[in-house]
Amino acid sequence: MSRSLFTSRHGGLSKREFESFNLALHVGDDAKTVESNRDLLAKEFGIQRSELFFMNQVHGSRVVEIDESSSYLDEPEADSLFTRRSGIALAVLTADCIPLLLSSPSAIAAVHIGRKGLIAGVLEATLDKFKSYGIASSQISALFGASICGNCYQVSLEIYRQVVDQIEQCATDEVKRCLDLEAGAISILKSRGITWSSSGECSKHSPGYFSFRRDNRTGRQAGVIIR
């Protein structure tokens, strides 16, 4: 049975705009403090830090499998982590993008879904990874953490049309030009017969979460899942 957790910006050691539970090394926070925060996260799950894996997220569609040869010190360029190993935790970092956690009896995944990754097919690529091991869609469940909502994620008309032309469920209207990425991701899950649930929280609305759109220079919270 897998366990999952979505962190907020509270409960860590970081200061200033990164206060306090920033888990990202790439945003300008003190690296030692971030590692201390990651240690705290590992303890929350009752595991060693070496059993908690992060990735270098690049808004693409690459899925990396964490297996017996993987080291937590190597953070692969990817937007999805997948594993069949027991006792391993996978983390996805966000500050408005979607943290999506997928679980099945024999495998789990942590997926970073932004606008570019969604239309690049990162979610489909992850689901195909489950399928490659004979895991049926009926065995998979999906959990969404806080992300920017369809009332807040305003983009240019060009970008709006580019996304909506590919995934129409992301549409709101061309006057607001706001994209609903979660609705787009849900449409993909539904097309595969996968059950899902969502926190329903907007990262920009809530000061309890880091939000790049709201604050620009800020930290990252995490969605974490363990087998």
Protein backbone atom coordinates (compact mmCIF):
# COMPACT_ATOMS: atom_id res chain seq x y z
CA MET A 1 0.00 0.00 0.00
CA SER A 2 1.51 3.34 -1.01
CA ARG A 3 1.51 6.48 1.11
CA SER A 4 1.52 10.04 -0.17
CA LEU A 5 2.01 13.56 1.12
CA PHE A 6 1.77 17.09 -0.23
CA THR A 7 3.87 19.61 1.65
CA SER A 8 3.07 23.29 2.17
CA ARG A 9 5.52 26.14 2.57
CA HIS A 10 5.50 25.72 6.36
CA GLY A 11 7.49 23.53 8.72
CA GLY A 12 11.04 23.92 7.47
CA LEU A 13 14.22 25.90 8.06
CA SER A 14 14.52 28.27 5.08
CA LYS A 15 14.40 32.06 5.48
CA ARG A 16 13.13 35.15 3.65
CA GLU A 17 11.16 34.47 0.47
CA PHE A 18 11.91 30.77 0.86
CA GLU A 19 10.33 30.54 4.29
CA SER A 20 10.24 27.93 5.40
CA PHE A 21 9.92 24.44 3.90
CA ASN A 22 11.54 25.06 0.51
CA LEU A 23 12.67 21.78 -1.04
CA ALA A 24 14.26 23.07 -4.27
CA LEU A 25 17.98 23.55 -4.84
CA HIS A 26 17.64 25.63 -8.02
CA VAL A 27 15.80 28.71 -6.71
CA GLY A 28 18.64 30.52 -4.89
CA ASP A 29 18.07 29.21 -1.38
CA ASP A 30 20.99 28.04 0.77
CA ALA A 31 21.82 24.51 -0.39
CA LYS A 32 22.62 23.18 3.10
CA THR A 33 19.29 24.46 4.38
CA VAL A 34 17.44 22.81 1.50
CA GLU A 35 19.19 19.52 2.23
CA SER A 36 18.15 19.85 5.87
CA ASN A 37 14.57 20.35 4.73
CA ARG A 38 14.86 17.24 2.56
CA ASP A 39 16.16 15.33 5.57
CA LEU A 40 13.05 16.44 7.48
CA LEU A 41 10.85 15.21 4.64
CA ALA A 42 12.54 11.80 4.64
CA LYS A 43 12.01 11.53 8.41
CA GLU A 44 8.32 12.33 7.89
CA PHE A 45 8.09 9.09 5.90
CA GLY A 46 10.34 7.17 8.28
CA ILE A 47 12.97 6.51 5.59
CA GLN A 48 16.61 7.32 4.99
CA ARG A 49 17.46 10.36 2.90
CA SER A 50 19.00 7.97 0.36
CA GLU A 51 15.54 6.48 -0.23
CA LEU A 52 14.00 9.82 -1.27
CA PHE A 53 14.42 10.70 -4.95
CA PHE A 54 14.05 14.08 -6.68
CA MET A 55 14.42 15.04 -10.36
CA ASN A 56 15.68 18.01 -12.34
CA GLN A 57 12.39 19.09 -13.92
CA VAL A 58 12.60 20.56 -17.42
CA HIS A 59 8.96 20.79 -18.62
CA GLY A 60 9.32 17.82 -20.95
CA SER A 61 7.88 14.32 -21.22
CA ARG A 62 10.74 12.11 -20.06
CA VAL A 63 9.95 9.39 -17.54
CA VAL A 64 12.82 7.91 -15.50
CA GLU A 65 12.52 4.62 -13.65
CA ILE A 66 14.18 4.41 -10.25
CA ASP A 67 15.60 0.91 -9.87
CA GLU A 68 18.29 -0.89 -7.85
CA SER A 69 21.07 0.92 -9.71
CA SER A 70 19.68 4.42 -9.02
CA SER A 71 21.26 6.85 -6.54
CA TYR A 72 19.44 9.69 -4.84
CA LEU A 73 22.51 11.85 -5.53
CA ASP A 74 21.80 11.72 -9.27
CA GLU A 75 18.77 13.87 -10.07
CA PRO A 76 17.85 13.01 -13.67
CA GLU A 77 16.49 15.50 -16.17
CA ALA A 78 12.88 14.36 -16.26
CA ASP A 79 9.35 15.34 -15.38
CA SER A 80 8.20 11.97 -14.11
CA LEU A 81 9.73 9.42 -11.76
CA PHE A 82 8.48 5.83 -11.70
CA THR A 83 9.45 2.89 -9.50
CA ARG A 84 8.48 -0.66 -8.62
CA ARG A 85 10.85 -0.73 -5.64
CA SER A 86 9.40 -0.98 -2.14
CA GLY A 87 10.49 1.59 0.44
CA ILE A 88 11.40 4.19 -2.18
CA ALA A 89 9.85 7.68 -2.15
CA LEU A 90 9.49 9.83 -5.28
CA ALA A 91 9.13 13.61 -5.14
CA VAL A 92 7.82 16.23 -7.55
CA LEU A 93 8.48 19.94 -6.90
CA THR A 94 5.98 22.67 -7.76
CA ALA A 95 5.11 26.30 -7.25
CA ASP A 96 1.99 26.48 -9.51
CA CYS A 97 2.46 23.46 -11.79
CA ILE A 98 0.54 20.30 -11.01
CA PRO A 99 2.03 17.71 -8.64
CA LEU A 100 0.40 14.43 -9.64
CA LEU A 101 0.96 11.20 -7.73
CA LEU A 102 0.04 7.87 -9.31
CA SER A 103 -0.21 4.60 -7.43
CA SER A 104 -0.94 0.95 -8.16
CA PRO A 105 -0.33 -2.25 -6.19
CA SER A 106 3.04 -2.81 -7.87
CA ALA A 107 4.32 0.62 -8.95
CA ILE A 108 4.11 4.34 -8.24
CA ALA A 109 4.97 7.59 -10.02
CA ALA A 110 5.41 11.29 -9.27
CA VAL A 111 4.64 13.58 -12.21
CA HIS A 112 5.38 17.27 -12.80
CA ILE A 113 2.72 18.73 -15.09
CA GLY A 114 3.10 22.26 -16.38
CA ARG A 115 1.70 23.68 -19.60
CA LYS A 116 4.59 22.49 -21.74
CA GLY A 117 4.76 19.05 -20.17
CA LEU A 118 1.02 18.53 -20.49
CA ILE A 119 0.98 19.13 -24.24
CA ALA A 120 4.27 17.25 -24.64
CA GLY A 121 2.56 14.16 -23.24
CA VAL A 122 4.28 13.60 -19.89
CA LEU A 123 1.13 12.15 -18.37
CA GLU A 124 0.51 9.74 -21.24
CA ALA A 125 4.17 8.70 -21.18
CA THR A 126 3.91 7.90 -17.47
CA LEU A 127 0.73 5.90 -17.92
CA ASP A 128 2.39 4.00 -20.76
CA LYS A 129 5.20 3.14 -18.35
CA PHE A 130 2.70 1.45 -16.03
CA LYS A 131 1.20 -0.35 -19.04
CA SER A 132 4.62 -1.63 -20.11
CA TYR A 133 4.72 -3.69 -16.91
CA GLY A 134 1.24 -5.08 -17.47
CA ILE A 135 -0.42 -2.75 -14.97
CA ALA A 136 -4.01 -2.09 -16.05
CA SER A 137 -5.58 1.37 -15.86
CA SER A 138 -8.17 -0.02 -13.44
CA GLN A 139 -5.33 -0.65 -10.96
CA ILE A 140 -4.05 2.94 -11.04
CA SER A 141 -5.30 5.84 -8.94
CA ALA A 142 -4.28 9.50 -9.26
CA LEU A 143 -3.99 12.25 -6.67
CA PHE A 144 -3.65 15.97 -7.49
CA GLY A 145 -2.02 18.43 -5.11
CA ALA A 146 -2.41 22.22 -5.07
CA SER A 147 -1.69 24.01 -8.37
CA ILE A 148 -2.66 27.24 -10.06
CA CYS A 149 -6.35 27.19 -10.92
CA GLY A 150 -8.24 27.91 -14.12
CA ASN A 151 -9.15 31.38 -12.90
CA CYS A 152 -5.54 32.42 -12.25
CA TYR A 153 -3.36 30.94 -14.98
CA GLN A 154 -3.61 33.68 -17.61
CA VAL A 155 -1.45 33.38 -20.72
CA SER A 156 -1.12 35.07 -24.08
CA LEU A 157 -3.80 34.40 -26.69
CA GLU A 158 -1.24 32.54 -28.80
CA ILE A 159 -0.32 30.18 -25.97
CA TYR A 160 -3.96 29.78 -24.95
CA ARG A 161 -4.96 28.65 -28.44
CA GLN A 162 -1.90 26.40 -28.76
CA VAL A 163 -2.84 24.47 -25.62
CA VAL A 164 -6.61 24.41 -26.19
CA ASP A 165 -6.19 23.24 -29.77
CA GLN A 166 -4.42 20.17 -28.41
CA ILE A 167 -6.37 19.62 -25.17
CA GLU A 168 -9.72 21.38 -25.36
CA GLN A 169 -10.61 20.61 -21.75
CA CYS A 170 -8.01 23.21 -20.65
CA ALA A 171 -10.20 25.98 -22.09
CA THR A 172 -11.97 28.71 -20.14
CA ASP A 173 -12.57 31.55 -22.63
CA GLU A 174 -10.49 33.71 -24.94
CA VAL A 175 -11.30 36.88 -23.04
CA LYS A 176 -9.76 35.66 -19.79
CA ARG A 177 -7.21 33.46 -21.60
CA CYS A 178 -6.81 31.33 -18.49
CA LEU A 179 -5.80 27.70 -18.84
CA ASP A 180 -7.21 24.99 -16.60
CA LEU A 181 -4.36 22.49 -16.65
CA GLU A 182 -5.89 20.23 -14.03
CA ALA A 183 -9.06 19.85 -16.14
CA GLY A 184 -6.84 18.90 -19.08
CA ALA A 185 -4.98 16.29 -17.06
CA ILE A 186 -8.23 14.89 -15.67
CA SER A 187 -9.56 14.47 -19.19
CA ILE A 188 -6.55 12.29 -20.03
CA LEU A 189 -7.04 10.18 -16.91
CA LYS A 190 -10.75 9.75 -17.67
CA SER A 191 -9.97 8.66 -21.23
CA ARG A 192 -7.88 5.85 -19.75
CA GLY A 193 -10.43 4.89 -17.10
CA ILE A 194 -8.26 6.01 -14.17
CA THR A 195 -9.83 7.17 -10.92
CA TRP A 196 -8.61 10.46 -9.45
CA SER A 197 -9.05 12.87 -6.57
CA SER A 198 -7.91 16.46 -6.07
CA SER A 199 -7.20 18.78 -3.18
CA GLY A 200 -9.01 21.50 -5.13
CA GLU A 201 -6.57 24.10 -3.81
CA CYS A 202 -5.04 26.92 -5.86
CA SER A 203 -1.38 27.60 -5.09
CA LYS A 204 -1.70 31.26 -6.09
CA HIS A 205 -4.76 31.91 -3.95
CA SER A 206 -3.32 30.42 -0.80
CA PRO A 207 -0.39 32.06 1.03
CA GLY A 208 0.28 28.65 2.56
CA TYR A 209 1.86 27.50 -0.72
CA PHE A 210 4.75 28.75 -2.80
CA SER A 211 3.51 30.37 -6.01
CA PHE A 212 5.78 31.56 -8.81
CA ARG A 213 2.95 33.51 -10.44
CA ARG A 214 2.21 35.34 -7.19
CA ASP A 215 5.73 35.94 -5.86
CA ASN A 216 8.19 35.24 -8.72
CA ARG A 217 11.20 34.53 -6.49
CA THR A 218 10.03 31.78 -4.18
CA GLY A 219 10.53 28.20 -3.02
CA ARG A 220 8.97 24.90 -4.05
CA GLN A 221 6.70 22.51 -2.19
CA ALA A 222 6.57 18.81 -2.97
CA GLY A 223 4.24 15.97 -3.69
CA VAL A 224 5.76 12.74 -2.42
CA ILE A 225 4.69 9.12 -2.75
CA ILE A 226 6.26 5.96 -1.32
CA ARG A 227 5.70 2.26 -1.95
